[in-house]
Amino acid sequence: MIDAIVFLHSVLARALLLYAVLLGIWGTYLYFRRSAVTGGFRSSFLILGGVIAVQGIAGLVVLAAGHRPAEILHIVYGVFAVLFIPGVYLYAHGGTPRREAIFLAGAAWIVSVAFFRGFATG
């Protein structure tokens, strides 16, 4: 059973990295086009936050089962992603359309770096 959760944690990590990069590209495109964030982008961003939460729960289960990451920073990057994405969404939601686009795109890029660093720390 735990092997399946370790596998899920690994697969979700790769999917989240790709998904966050794609959202970063999409949000950057909207920003430079001086467009408002679309409902599709906003809902995709919220899906990112939801899948990050599932990833975090899988990571906690793996940790509770006794599997430790190579470095404690792996856990720090995970906690950062779980808290950062909803925080930025709530912060940027009430601003101008252009401000919202740059904040959400920037958050997607930043969390992409955190996911990549999560891989690097094992």
PDB file of N, CA and C in Angstrom:
ATOM      1  N   MET A   1       0.814  -1.200   0.000  1.00  0.00           N
ATOM      2  CA  MET A   1       0.000   0.000   0.000  1.00  0.00           C
ATOM      3  C   MET A   1       0.861   1.268   0.000  1.00  0.00           C
ATOM      4  N   ILE A   2       1.880   1.286   0.846  1.00  0.00           N
ATOM      5  CA  ILE A   2       2.717   2.478   0.930  1.00  0.00           C
ATOM      6  C   ILE A   2       3.485   2.702  -0.366  1.00  0.00           C
ATOM      7  N   ASP A   3       3.830   1.607  -1.055  1.00  0.00           N
ATOM      8  CA  ASP A   3       4.528   1.752  -2.339  1.00  0.00           C
ATOM      9  C   ASP A   3       3.653   2.477  -3.356  1.00  0.00           C
ATOM     10  N   ALA A   4       2.352   2.226  -3.311  1.00  0.00           N
ATOM     11  CA  ALA A   4       1.432   2.911  -4.221  1.00  0.00           C
ATOM     12  C   ALA A   4       1.379   4.405  -3.901  1.00  0.00           C
ATOM     13  N   ILE A   5       1.410   4.761  -2.623  1.00  0.00           N
ATOM     14  CA  ILE A   5       1.364   6.172  -2.245  1.00  0.00           C
ATOM     15  C   ILE A   5       2.678   6.861  -2.600  1.00  0.00           C
ATOM     16  N   VAL A   6       3.806   6.154  -2.420  1.00  0.00           N
ATOM     17  CA  VAL A   6       5.103   6.709  -2.841  1.00  0.00           C
ATOM     18  C   VAL A   6       5.087   6.957  -4.348  1.00  0.00           C
ATOM     19  N   PHE A   7       4.537   5.999  -5.095  1.00  0.00           N
ATOM     20  CA  PHE A   7       4.437   6.151  -6.547  1.00  0.00           C
ATOM     21  C   PHE A   7       3.537   7.345  -6.896  1.00  0.00           C
ATOM     22  N   LEU A   8       2.390   7.459  -6.211  1.00  0.00           N
ATOM     23  CA  LEU A   8       1.481   8.577  -6.448  1.00  0.00           C
ATOM     24  C   LEU A   8       2.175   9.910  -6.153  1.00  0.00           C
ATOM     25  N   HIS A   9       2.915   9.964  -5.058  1.00  0.00           N
ATOM     26  CA  HIS A   9       3.638  11.182  -4.686  1.00  0.00           C
ATOM     27  C   HIS A   9       4.656  11.555  -5.774  1.00  0.00           C
ATOM     28  N   SER A  10       5.327  10.566  -6.307  1.00  0.00           N
ATOM     29  CA  SER A  10       6.324  10.795  -7.349  1.00  0.00           C
ATOM     30  C   SER A  10       5.679  11.264  -8.662  1.00  0.00           C
ATOM     31  N   VAL A  11       4.609  10.606  -9.055  1.00  0.00           N
ATOM     32  CA  VAL A  11       3.935  10.958 -10.314  1.00  0.00           C
ATOM     33  C   VAL A  11       3.285  12.340 -10.210  1.00  0.00           C
ATOM     34  N   LEU A  12       2.639  12.611  -9.072  1.00  0.00           N
ATOM     35  CA  LEU A  12       2.026  13.926  -8.890  1.00  0.00           C
ATOM     36  C   LEU A  12       3.070  15.041  -8.918  1.00  0.00           C
ATOM     37  N   ALA A  13       4.251  14.764  -8.382  1.00  0.00           N
ATOM     38  CA  ALA A  13       5.310  15.776  -8.385  1.00  0.00           C
ATOM     39  C   ALA A  13       5.678  16.173  -9.811  1.00  0.00           C
ATOM     40  N   ARG A  14       5.831  15.206 -10.662  1.00  0.00           N
ATOM     41  CA  ARG A  14       6.169  15.497 -12.061  1.00  0.00           C
ATOM     42  C   ARG A  14       5.026  16.227 -12.776  1.00  0.00           C
ATOM     43  N   ALA A  15       3.804  15.768 -12.527  1.00  0.00           N
ATOM     44  CA  ALA A  15       2.647  16.400 -13.156  1.00  0.00           C
ATOM     45  C   ALA A  15       2.487  17.844 -12.677  1.00  0.00           C
ATOM     46  N   LEU A  16       2.691  18.065 -11.388  1.00  0.00           N
ATOM     47  CA  LEU A  16       2.563  19.422 -10.852  1.00  0.00           C
ATOM     48  C   LEU A  16       3.620  20.364 -11.411  1.00  0.00           C
ATOM     49  N   LEU A  17       4.832  19.869 -11.576  1.00  0.00           N
ATOM     50  CA  LEU A  17       5.882  20.706 -12.155  1.00  0.00           C
ATOM     51  C   LEU A  17       5.500  21.134 -13.567  1.00  0.00           C
ATOM     52  N   LEU A  18       5.075  20.205 -14.379  1.00  0.00           N
ATOM     53  CA  LEU A  18       4.664  20.524 -15.745  1.00  0.00           C
ATOM     54  C   LEU A  18       3.456  21.466 -15.753  1.00  0.00           C
ATOM     55  N   TYR A  19       2.481  21.174 -14.912  1.00  0.00           N
ATOM     56  CA  TYR A  19       1.266  21.985 -14.840  1.00  0.00           C
ATOM     57  C   TYR A  19       1.582  23.415 -14.413  1.00  0.00           C
ATOM     58  N   ALA A  20       2.442  23.570 -13.422  1.00  0.00           N
ATOM     59  CA  ALA A  20       2.805  24.909 -12.946  1.00  0.00           C
ATOM     60  C   ALA A  20       3.560  25.692 -14.016  1.00  0.00           C
ATOM     61  N   VAL A  21       4.435  25.036 -14.750  1.00  0.00           N
ATOM     62  CA  VAL A  21       5.154  25.708 -15.837  1.00  0.00           C
ATOM     63  C   VAL A  21       4.172  26.168 -16.916  1.00  0.00           C
ATOM     64  N   LEU A  22       3.225  25.308 -17.274  1.00  0.00           N
ATOM     65  CA  LEU A  22       2.228  25.687 -18.275  1.00  0.00           C
ATOM     66  C   LEU A  22       1.379  26.864 -17.799  1.00  0.00           C
ATOM     67  N   LEU A  23       0.997  26.853 -16.523  1.00  0.00           N
ATOM     68  CA  LEU A  23       0.252  27.997 -15.981  1.00  0.00           C
ATOM     69  C   LEU A  23       1.102  29.261 -15.975  1.00  0.00           C
ATOM     70  N   GLY A  24       2.379  29.118 -15.683  1.00  0.00           N
ATOM     71  CA  GLY A  24       3.278  30.268 -15.718  1.00  0.00           C
ATOM     72  C   GLY A  24       3.357  30.866 -17.115  1.00  0.00           C
ATOM     73  N   ILE A  25       3.459  30.018 -18.111  1.00  0.00           N
ATOM     74  CA  ILE A  25       3.500  30.483 -19.504  1.00  0.00           C
ATOM     75  C   ILE A  25       2.187  31.173 -19.871  1.00  0.00           C
ATOM     76  N   TRP A  26       1.079  30.544 -19.521  1.00  0.00           N
ATOM     77  CA  TRP A  26      -0.242  31.088 -19.834  1.00  0.00           C
ATOM     78  C   TRP A  26      -0.448  32.442 -19.146  1.00  0.00           C
ATOM     79  N   GLY A  27      -0.138  32.524 -17.871  1.00  0.00           N
ATOM     80  CA  GLY A  27      -0.308  33.777 -17.138  1.00  0.00           C
ATOM     81  C   GLY A  27       0.603  34.882 -17.645  1.00  0.00           C
ATOM     82  N   THR A  28       1.830  34.524 -18.001  1.00  0.00           N
ATOM     83  CA  THR A  28       2.766  35.509 -18.558  1.00  0.00           C
ATOM     84  C   THR A  28       2.249  36.030 -19.901  1.00  0.00           C
ATOM     85  N   TYR A  29       1.702  35.136 -20.704  1.00  0.00           N
ATOM     86  CA  TYR A  29       1.101  35.523 -21.980  1.00  0.00           C
ATOM     87  C   TYR A  29      -0.041  36.517 -21.753  1.00  0.00           C
ATOM     88  N   LEU A  30      -0.917  36.213 -20.785  1.00  0.00           N
ATOM     89  CA  LEU A  30      -2.024  37.127 -20.491  1.00  0.00           C
ATOM     90  C   LEU A  30      -1.513  38.482 -20.018  1.00  0.00           C
ATOM     91  N   TYR A  31      -0.485  38.469 -19.201  1.00  0.00           N
ATOM     92  CA  TYR A  31       0.067  39.723 -18.690  1.00  0.00           C
ATOM     93  C   TYR A  31       0.614  40.590 -19.823  1.00  0.00           C
ATOM     94  N   PHE A  32       1.428  40.001 -20.703  1.00  0.00           N
ATOM     95  CA  PHE A  32       2.026  40.785 -21.778  1.00  0.00           C
ATOM     96  C   PHE A  32       1.025  41.194 -22.852  1.00  0.00           C
ATOM     97  N   ARG A  33      -0.079  40.489 -22.939  1.00  0.00           N
ATOM     98  CA  ARG A  33      -1.145  40.889 -23.857  1.00  0.00           C
ATOM     99  C   ARG A  33      -2.052  41.947 -23.227  1.00  0.00           C
ATOM    100  N   ARG A  34      -1.765  42.274 -21.981  1.00  0.00           N
ATOM    101  CA  ARG A  34      -2.564  43.229 -21.214  1.00  0.00           C
ATOM    102  C   ARG A  34      -4.019  42.766 -21.095  1.00  0.00           C
ATOM    103  N   SER A  35      -4.182  41.451 -20.974  1.00  0.00           N
ATOM    104  CA  SER A  35      -5.516  40.855 -20.844  1.00  0.00           C
ATOM    105  C   SER A  35      -5.832  40.579 -19.386  1.00  0.00           C
ATOM    106  N   ALA A  36      -7.100  40.538 -19.089  1.00  0.00           N
ATOM    107  CA  ALA A  36      -7.538  40.133 -17.747  1.00  0.00           C
ATOM    108  C   ALA A  36      -7.382  38.622 -17.626  1.00  0.00           C
ATOM    109  N   VAL A  37      -7.224  38.166 -16.416  1.00  0.00           N
ATOM    110  CA  VAL A  37      -7.164  36.734 -16.167  1.00  0.00           C
ATOM    111  C   VAL A  37      -8.523  36.145 -16.508  1.00  0.00           C
ATOM    112  N   THR A  38      -8.524  35.094 -17.286  1.00  0.00           N
ATOM    113  CA  THR A  38      -9.774  34.461 -17.697  1.00  0.00           C
ATOM    114  C   THR A  38     -10.273  33.527 -16.603  1.00  0.00           C
ATOM    115  N   GLY A  39     -11.532  33.164 -16.707  1.00  0.00           N
ATOM    116  CA  GLY A  39     -12.091  32.198 -15.764  1.00  0.00           C
ATOM    117  C   GLY A  39     -11.399  30.850 -15.872  1.00  0.00           C
ATOM    118  N   GLY A  40     -11.008  30.492 -17.080  1.00  0.00           N
ATOM    119  CA  GLY A  40     -10.287  29.228 -17.278  1.00  0.00           C
ATOM    120  C   GLY A  40      -8.933  29.238 -16.589  1.00  0.00           C
ATOM    121  N   PHE A  41      -8.231  30.351 -16.680  1.00  0.00           N
ATOM    122  CA  PHE A  41      -6.931  30.440 -16.008  1.00  0.00           C
ATOM    123  C   PHE A  41      -7.113  30.410 -14.500  1.00  0.00           C
ATOM    124  N   ARG A  42      -8.083  31.171 -14.027  1.00  0.00           N
ATOM    125  CA  ARG A  42      -8.321  31.245 -12.585  1.00  0.00           C
ATOM    126  C   ARG A  42      -8.691  29.866 -12.031  1.00  0.00           C
ATOM    127  N   SER A  43      -9.569  29.143 -12.721  1.00  0.00           N
ATOM    128  CA  SER A  43      -9.958  27.812 -12.238  1.00  0.00           C
ATOM    129  C   SER A  43      -8.794  26.828 -12.353  1.00  0.00           C
ATOM    130  N   SER A  44      -7.962  26.971 -13.372  1.00  0.00           N
ATOM    131  CA  SER A  44      -6.780  26.116 -13.496  1.00  0.00           C
ATOM    132  C   SER A  44      -5.804  26.374 -12.354  1.00  0.00           C
ATOM    133  N   PHE A  45      -5.701  27.628 -11.947  1.00  0.00           N
ATOM    134  CA  PHE A  45      -4.845  27.985 -10.821  1.00  0.00           C
ATOM    135  C   PHE A  45      -5.375  27.353  -9.532  1.00  0.00           C
ATOM    136  N   LEU A  46      -6.682  27.378  -9.352  1.00  0.00           N
ATOM    137  CA  LEU A  46      -7.283  26.761  -8.169  1.00  0.00           C
ATOM    138  C   LEU A  46      -7.127  25.239  -8.186  1.00  0.00           C
ATOM    139  N   ILE A  47      -7.194  24.650  -9.363  1.00  0.00           N
ATOM    140  CA  ILE A  47      -6.944  23.209  -9.485  1.00  0.00           C
ATOM    141  C   ILE A  47      -5.514  22.905  -9.068  1.00  0.00           C
ATOM    142  N   LEU A  48      -4.577  23.766  -9.468  1.00  0.00           N
ATOM    143  CA  LEU A  48      -3.190  23.599  -9.040  1.00  0.00           C
ATOM    144  C   LEU A  48      -3.105  23.561  -7.518  1.00  0.00           C
ATOM    145  N   GLY A  49      -3.783  24.486  -6.855  1.00  0.00           N
ATOM    146  CA  GLY A  49      -3.786  24.504  -5.398  1.00  0.00           C
ATOM    147  C   GLY A  49      -4.372  23.243  -4.797  1.00  0.00           C
ATOM    148  N   GLY A  50      -5.443  22.733  -5.399  1.00  0.00           N
ATOM    149  CA  GLY A  50      -6.066  21.498  -4.903  1.00  0.00           C
ATOM    150  C   GLY A  50      -5.170  20.281  -5.066  1.00  0.00           C
ATOM    151  N   VAL A  51      -4.531  20.176  -6.209  1.00  0.00           N
ATOM    152  CA  VAL A  51      -3.643  19.033  -6.455  1.00  0.00           C
ATOM    153  C   VAL A  51      -2.399  19.131  -5.576  1.00  0.00           C
ATOM    154  N   ILE A  52      -1.942  20.333  -5.299  1.00  0.00           N
ATOM    155  CA  ILE A  52      -0.819  20.509  -4.372  1.00  0.00           C
ATOM    156  C   ILE A  52      -1.217  19.994  -2.988  1.00  0.00           C
ATOM    157  N   ALA A  53      -2.442  20.258  -2.579  1.00  0.00           N
ATOM    158  CA  ALA A  53      -2.909  19.767  -1.277  1.00  0.00           C
ATOM    159  C   ALA A  53      -2.938  18.239  -1.256  1.00  0.00           C
ATOM    160  N   VAL A  54      -3.400  17.622  -2.333  1.00  0.00           N
ATOM    161  CA  VAL A  54      -3.392  16.154  -2.424  1.00  0.00           C
ATOM    162  C   VAL A  54      -1.956  15.635  -2.376  1.00  0.00           C
ATOM    163  N   GLN A  55      -1.063  16.305  -3.065  1.00  0.00           N
ATOM    164  CA  GLN A  55       0.356  15.945  -3.052  1.00  0.00           C
ATOM    165  C   GLN A  55       0.916  16.038  -1.635  1.00  0.00           C
ATOM    166  N   GLY A  56       0.537  17.082  -0.924  1.00  0.00           N
ATOM    167  CA  GLY A  56       0.993  17.257   0.452  1.00  0.00           C
ATOM    168  C   GLY A  56       0.484  16.157   1.370  1.00  0.00           C
ATOM    169  N   ILE A  57      -0.769  15.771   1.202  1.00  0.00           N
ATOM    170  CA  ILE A  57      -1.332  14.688   2.012  1.00  0.00           C
ATOM    171  C   ILE A  57      -0.602  13.382   1.719  1.00  0.00           C
ATOM    172  N   ALA A  58      -0.337  13.122   0.439  1.00  0.00           N
ATOM    173  CA  ALA A  58       0.422  11.912   0.080  1.00  0.00           C
ATOM    174  C   ALA A  58       1.810  11.955   0.703  1.00  0.00           C
ATOM    175  N   GLY A  59       2.436  13.117   0.683  1.00  0.00           N
ATOM    176  CA  GLY A  59       3.752  13.262   1.297  1.00  0.00           C
ATOM    177  C   GLY A  59       3.721  13.023   2.793  1.00  0.00           C
ATOM    178  N   LEU A  60       2.672  13.503   3.468  1.00  0.00           N
ATOM    179  CA  LEU A  60       2.538  13.275   4.910  1.00  0.00           C
ATOM    180  C   LEU A  60       2.347  11.793   5.225  1.00  0.00           C
ATOM    181  N   VAL A  61       1.573  11.101   4.392  1.00  0.00           N
ATOM    182  CA  VAL A  61       1.371   9.664   4.591  1.00  0.00           C
ATOM    183  C   VAL A  61       2.687   8.916   4.415  1.00  0.00           C
ATOM    184  N   VAL A  62       3.437   9.281   3.400  1.00  0.00           N
ATOM    185  CA  VAL A  62       4.749   8.650   3.164  1.00  0.00           C
ATOM    186  C   VAL A  62       5.680   8.933   4.341  1.00  0.00           C
ATOM    187  N   LEU A  63       5.672  10.157   4.829  1.00  0.00           N
ATOM    188  CA  LEU A  63       6.510  10.524   5.964  1.00  0.00           C
ATOM    189  C   LEU A  63       6.098   9.755   7.226  1.00  0.00           C
ATOM    190  N   ALA A  64       4.790   9.665   7.453  1.00  0.00           N
ATOM    191  CA  ALA A  64       4.291   8.937   8.626  1.00  0.00           C
ATOM    192  C   ALA A  64       4.619   7.448   8.558  1.00  0.00           C
ATOM    193  N   ALA A  65       4.765   6.919   7.341  1.00  0.00           N
ATOM    194  CA  ALA A  65       5.100   5.505   7.166  1.00  0.00           C
ATOM    195  C   ALA A  65       6.585   5.240   7.388  1.00  0.00           C
ATOM    196  N   GLY A  66       7.347   6.283   7.621  1.00  0.00           N
ATOM    197  CA  GLY A  66       8.759   6.096   7.931  1.00  0.00           C
ATOM    198  C   GLY A  66       9.716   6.384   6.797  1.00  0.00           C
ATOM    199  N   HIS A  67       9.217   6.786   5.644  1.00  0.00           N
ATOM    200  CA  HIS A  67      10.095   7.147   4.531  1.00  0.00           C
ATOM    201  C   HIS A  67      10.509   8.605   4.702  1.00  0.00           C
ATOM    202  N   ARG A  68      11.767   8.837   4.849  1.00  0.00           N
ATOM    203  CA  ARG A  68      12.271  10.197   5.059  1.00  0.00           C
ATOM    204  C   ARG A  68      12.923  10.713   3.769  1.00  0.00           C
ATOM    205  N   PRO A  69      12.709  11.997   3.462  1.00  0.00           N
ATOM    206  CA  PRO A  69      13.405  12.556   2.296  1.00  0.00           C
ATOM    207  C   PRO A  69      14.898  12.688   2.596  1.00  0.00           C
ATOM    208  N   ALA A  70      15.684  12.825   1.553  1.00  0.00           N
ATOM    209  CA  ALA A  70      17.136  12.950   1.722  1.00  0.00           C
ATOM    210  C   ALA A  70      17.491  14.213   2.514  1.00  0.00           C
ATOM    211  N   GLU A  71      16.738  15.288   2.318  1.00  0.00           N
ATOM    212  CA  GLU A  71      16.984  16.544   3.023  1.00  0.00           C
ATOM    213  C   GLU A  71      15.667  17.078   3.567  1.00  0.00           C
ATOM    214  N   ILE A  72      15.737  17.758   4.697  1.00  0.00           N
ATOM    215  CA  ILE A  72      14.550  18.361   5.309  1.00  0.00           C
ATOM    216  C   ILE A  72      13.959  19.451   4.414  1.00  0.00           C
ATOM    217  N   LEU A  73      14.782  20.035   3.546  1.00  0.00           N
ATOM    218  CA  LEU A  73      14.283  21.077   2.637  1.00  0.00           C
ATOM    219  C   LEU A  73      13.174  20.567   1.729  1.00  0.00           C
ATOM    220  N   HIS A  74      13.156  19.266   1.469  1.00  0.00           N
ATOM    221  CA  HIS A  74      12.094  18.678   0.657  1.00  0.00           C
ATOM    222  C   HIS A  74      10.738  18.979   1.302  1.00  0.00           C
ATOM    223  N   ILE A  75      10.667  18.821   2.597  1.00  0.00           N
ATOM    224  CA  ILE A  75       9.427  19.084   3.323  1.00  0.00           C
ATOM    225  C   ILE A  75       9.134  20.583   3.343  1.00  0.00           C
ATOM    226  N   VAL A  76      10.154  21.388   3.505  1.00  0.00           N
ATOM    227  CA  VAL A  76       9.980  22.843   3.527  1.00  0.00           C
ATOM    228  C   VAL A  76       9.394  23.329   2.204  1.00  0.00           C
ATOM    229  N   TYR A  77       9.901  22.830   1.085  1.00  0.00           N
ATOM    230  CA  TYR A  77       9.367  23.235  -0.217  1.00  0.00           C
ATOM    231  C   TYR A  77       7.913  22.807  -0.377  1.00  0.00           C
ATOM    232  N   GLY A  78       7.571  21.634   0.138  1.00  0.00           N
ATOM    233  CA  GLY A  78       6.188  21.176   0.063  1.00  0.00           C
ATOM    234  C   GLY A  78       5.243  22.038   0.875  1.00  0.00           C
ATOM    235  N   VAL A  79       5.633  22.346   2.092  1.00  0.00           N
ATOM    236  CA  VAL A  79       4.805  23.210   2.944  1.00  0.00           C
ATOM    237  C   VAL A  79       4.675  24.597   2.308  1.00  0.00           C
ATOM    238  N   PHE A  80       5.766  25.097   1.770  1.00  0.00           N
ATOM    239  CA  PHE A  80       5.739  26.397   1.093  1.00  0.00           C
ATOM    240  C   PHE A  80       4.695  26.396  -0.027  1.00  0.00           C
ATOM    241  N   ALA A  81       4.704  25.377  -0.869  1.00  0.00           N
ATOM    242  CA  ALA A  81       3.771  25.331  -2.005  1.00  0.00           C
ATOM    243  C   ALA A  81       2.324  25.262  -1.532  1.00  0.00           C
ATOM    244  N   VAL A  82       2.061  24.476  -0.503  1.00  0.00           N
ATOM    245  CA  VAL A  82       0.695  24.323   0.003  1.00  0.00           C
ATOM    246  C   VAL A  82       0.161  25.652   0.534  1.00  0.00           C
ATOM    247  N   LEU A  83       0.998  26.439   1.165  1.00  0.00           N
ATOM    248  CA  LEU A  83       0.560  27.710   1.737  1.00  0.00           C
ATOM    249  C   LEU A  83       0.627  28.874   0.742  1.00  0.00           C
ATOM    250  N   PHE A  84       1.596  28.841  -0.160  1.00  0.00           N
ATOM    251  CA  PHE A  84       1.865  29.962  -1.054  1.00  0.00           C
ATOM    252  C   PHE A  84       0.774  30.156  -2.117  1.00  0.00           C
ATOM    253  N   ILE A  85       0.364  29.097  -2.765  1.00  0.00           N
ATOM    254  CA  ILE A  85      -0.589  29.216  -3.880  1.00  0.00           C
ATOM    255  C   ILE A  85      -1.926  29.808  -3.425  1.00  0.00           C
ATOM    256  N   PRO A  86      -2.571  29.278  -2.383  1.00  0.00           N
ATOM    257  CA  PRO A  86      -3.826  29.918  -1.966  1.00  0.00           C
ATOM    258  C   PRO A  86      -3.613  31.337  -1.425  1.00  0.00           C
ATOM    259  N   GLY A  87      -2.485  31.565  -0.780  1.00  0.00           N
ATOM    260  CA  GLY A  87      -2.200  32.898  -0.259  1.00  0.00           C
ATOM    261  C   GLY A  87      -2.089  33.934  -1.356  1.00  0.00           C
ATOM    262  N   VAL A  88      -1.373  33.603  -2.413  1.00  0.00           N
ATOM    263  CA  VAL A  88      -1.235  34.534  -3.540  1.00  0.00           C
ATOM    264  C   VAL A  88      -2.577  34.732  -4.231  1.00  0.00           C
ATOM    265  N   TYR A  89      -3.342  33.670  -4.366  1.00  0.00           N
ATOM    266  CA  TYR A  89      -4.649  33.796  -5.008  1.00  0.00           C
ATOM    267  C   TYR A  89      -5.532  34.776  -4.238  1.00  0.00           C
ATOM    268  N   LEU A  90      -5.578  34.616  -2.936  1.00  0.00           N
ATOM    269  CA  LEU A  90      -6.403  35.509  -2.115  1.00  0.00           C
ATOM    270  C   LEU A  90      -5.892  36.940  -2.155  1.00  0.00           C
ATOM    271  N   TYR A  91      -4.583  37.106  -2.175  1.00  0.00           N
ATOM    272  CA  TYR A  91      -3.991  38.446  -2.210  1.00  0.00           C
ATOM    273  C   TYR A  91      -4.259  39.140  -3.544  1.00  0.00           C
ATOM    274  N   ALA A  92      -4.127  38.420  -4.643  1.00  0.00           N
ATOM    275  CA  ALA A  92      -4.226  39.023  -5.975  1.00  0.00           C
ATOM    276  C   ALA A  92      -5.658  39.159  -6.460  1.00  0.00           C
ATOM    277  N   HIS A  93      -6.569  38.445  -5.868  1.00  0.00           N
ATOM    278  CA  HIS A  93      -7.940  38.373  -6.381  1.00  0.00           C
ATOM    279  C   HIS A  93      -8.652  39.720  -6.428  1.00  0.00           C
ATOM    280  N   GLY A  94      -8.397  40.615  -5.513  1.00  0.00           N
ATOM    281  CA  GLY A  94      -9.126  41.872  -5.471  1.00  0.00           C
ATOM    282  C   GLY A  94      -8.507  43.013  -6.245  1.00  0.00           C
ATOM    283  N   GLY A  95      -7.372  42.788  -6.887  1.00  0.00           N
ATOM    284  CA  GLY A  95      -6.672  43.879  -7.563  1.00  0.00           C
ATOM    285  C   GLY A  95      -7.131  44.091  -8.991  1.00  0.00           C
ATOM    286  N   THR A  96      -6.356  44.888  -9.701  1.00  0.00           N
ATOM    287  CA  THR A  96      -6.645  45.141 -11.108  1.00  0.00           C
ATOM    288  C   THR A  96      -6.410  43.861 -11.909  1.00  0.00           C
ATOM    289  N   PRO A  97      -7.003  43.751 -13.087  1.00  0.00           N
ATOM    290  CA  PRO A  97      -6.818  42.542 -13.888  1.00  0.00           C
ATOM    291  C   PRO A  97      -5.344  42.284 -14.244  1.00  0.00           C
ATOM    292  N   ARG A  98      -4.622  43.336 -14.557  1.00  0.00           N
ATOM    293  CA  ARG A  98      -3.203  43.158 -14.911  1.00  0.00           C
ATOM    294  C   ARG A  98      -2.379  42.728 -13.695  1.00  0.00           C
ATOM    295  N   ARG A  99      -2.684  43.293 -12.538  1.00  0.00           N
ATOM    296  CA  ARG A  99      -1.988  42.914 -11.310  1.00  0.00           C
ATOM    297  C   ARG A  99      -2.264  41.453 -10.970  1.00  0.00           C
ATOM    298  N   GLU A 100      -3.512  41.047 -11.133  1.00  0.00           N
ATOM    299  CA  GLU A 100      -3.858  39.656 -10.857  1.00  0.00           C
ATOM    300  C   GLU A 100      -3.092  38.718 -11.784  1.00  0.00           C
ATOM    301  N   ALA A 101      -2.981  39.088 -13.053  1.00  0.00           N
ATOM    302  CA  ALA A 101      -2.269  38.240 -14.017  1.00  0.00           C
ATOM    303  C   ALA A 101      -0.804  38.077 -13.635  1.00  0.00           C
ATOM    304  N   ILE A 102      -0.136  39.153 -13.254  1.00  0.00           N
ATOM    305  CA  ILE A 102       1.290  39.051 -12.940  1.00  0.00           C
ATOM    306  C   ILE A 102       1.511  38.305 -11.626  1.00  0.00           C
ATOM    307  N   PHE A 103       0.631  38.503 -10.661  1.00  0.00           N
ATOM    308  CA  PHE A 103       0.791  37.797  -9.392  1.00  0.00           C
ATOM    309  C   PHE A 103       0.572  36.297  -9.557  1.00  0.00           C
ATOM    310  N   LEU A 104      -0.470  35.905 -10.281  1.00  0.00           N
ATOM    311  CA  LEU A 104      -0.754  34.480 -10.451  1.00  0.00           C
ATOM    312  C   LEU A 104       0.279  33.807 -11.354  1.00  0.00           C
ATOM    313  N   ALA A 105       0.712  34.503 -12.392  1.00  0.00           N
ATOM    314  CA  ALA A 105       1.764  33.941 -13.248  1.00  0.00           C
ATOM    315  C   ALA A 105       3.061  33.810 -12.469  1.00  0.00           C
ATOM    316  N   GLY A 106       3.409  34.845 -11.718  1.00  0.00           N
ATOM    317  CA  GLY A 106       4.618  34.797 -10.911  1.00  0.00           C
ATOM    318  C   GLY A 106       4.568  33.678  -9.882  1.00  0.00           C
ATOM    319  N   ALA A 107       3.401  33.488  -9.271  1.00  0.00           N
ATOM    320  CA  ALA A 107       3.246  32.411  -8.291  1.00  0.00           C
ATOM    321  C   ALA A 107       3.440  31.050  -8.938  1.00  0.00           C
ATOM    322  N   ALA A 108       2.925  30.887 -10.157  1.00  0.00           N
ATOM    323  CA  ALA A 108       3.109  29.615 -10.859  1.00  0.00           C
ATOM    324  C   ALA A 108       4.591  29.372 -11.143  1.00  0.00           C
ATOM    325  N   TRP A 109       5.304  30.410 -11.553  1.00  0.00           N
ATOM    326  CA  TRP A 109       6.745  30.259 -11.802  1.00  0.00           C
ATOM    327  C   TRP A 109       7.499  29.950 -10.510  1.00  0.00           C
ATOM    328  N   ILE A 110       7.166  30.646  -9.440  1.00  0.00           N
ATOM    329  CA  ILE A 110       7.858  30.437  -8.168  1.00  0.00           C
ATOM    330  C   ILE A 110       7.616  29.029  -7.645  1.00  0.00           C
ATOM    331  N   VAL A 111       6.379  28.570  -7.716  1.00  0.00           N
ATOM    332  CA  VAL A 111       6.095  27.222  -7.228  1.00  0.00           C
ATOM    333  C   VAL A 111       6.733  26.167  -8.149  1.00  0.00           C
ATOM    334  N   SER A 112       6.917  26.487  -9.415  1.00  0.00           N
ATOM    335  CA  SER A 112       7.645  25.570 -10.312  1.00  0.00           C
ATOM    336  C   SER A 112       9.074  25.374  -9.824  1.00  0.00           C
ATOM    337  N   VAL A 113       9.697  26.462  -9.418  1.00  0.00           N
ATOM    338  CA  VAL A 113      11.056  26.380  -8.876  1.00  0.00           C
ATOM    339  C   VAL A 113      11.055  25.545  -7.598  1.00  0.00           C
ATOM    340  N   ALA A 114      10.050  25.748  -6.742  1.00  0.00           N
ATOM    341  CA  ALA A 114       9.961  24.965  -5.507  1.00  0.00           C
ATOM    342  C   ALA A 114       9.792  23.477  -5.815  1.00  0.00           C
ATOM    343  N   PHE A 115       8.986  23.140  -6.820  1.00  0.00           N
ATOM    344  CA  PHE A 115       8.810  21.731  -7.188  1.00  0.00           C
ATOM    345  C   PHE A 115      10.115  21.157  -7.709  1.00  0.00           C
ATOM    346  N   PHE A 116      10.806  21.928  -8.541  1.00  0.00           N
ATOM    347  CA  PHE A 116      12.084  21.456  -9.073  1.00  0.00           C
ATOM    348  C   PHE A 116      13.085  21.238  -7.935  1.00  0.00           C
ATOM    349  N   ARG A 117      13.126  22.171  -6.990  1.00  0.00           N
ATOM    350  CA  ARG A 117      14.009  22.024  -5.840  1.00  0.00           C
ATOM    351  C   ARG A 117      13.606  20.815  -4.983  1.00  0.00           C
ATOM    352  N   GLY A 118      12.308  20.541  -4.945  1.00  0.00           N
ATOM    353  CA  GLY A 118      11.840  19.344  -4.237  1.00  0.00           C
ATOM    354  C   GLY A 118      12.421  18.073  -4.833  1.00  0.00           C
ATOM    355  N   PHE A 119      12.497  18.044  -6.168  1.00  0.00           N
ATOM    356  CA  PHE A 119      13.163  16.907  -6.839  1.00  0.00           C
ATOM    357  C   PHE A 119      14.623  16.848  -6.471  1.00  0.00           C
ATOM    358  N   ALA A 120      15.278  17.987  -6.474  1.00  0.00           N
ATOM    359  CA  ALA A 120      16.716  18.046  -6.233  1.00  0.00           C
ATOM    360  C   ALA A 120      17.083  17.614  -4.813  1.00  0.00           C
ATOM    361  N   THR A 121      16.174  17.849  -3.863  1.00  0.00           N
ATOM    362  CA  THR A 121      16.466  17.477  -2.486  1.00  0.00           C
ATOM    363  C   THR A 121      16.023  16.067  -2.145  1.00  0.00           C
ATOM    364  N   GLY A 122      15.388  15.390  -3.088  1.00  0.00           N
ATOM    365  CA  GLY A 122      15.020  13.995  -2.883  1.00  0.00           C
ATOM    366  C   GLY A 122      13.810  13.832  -2.093  1.00  0.00           C
TER     367      GLY A 122
END
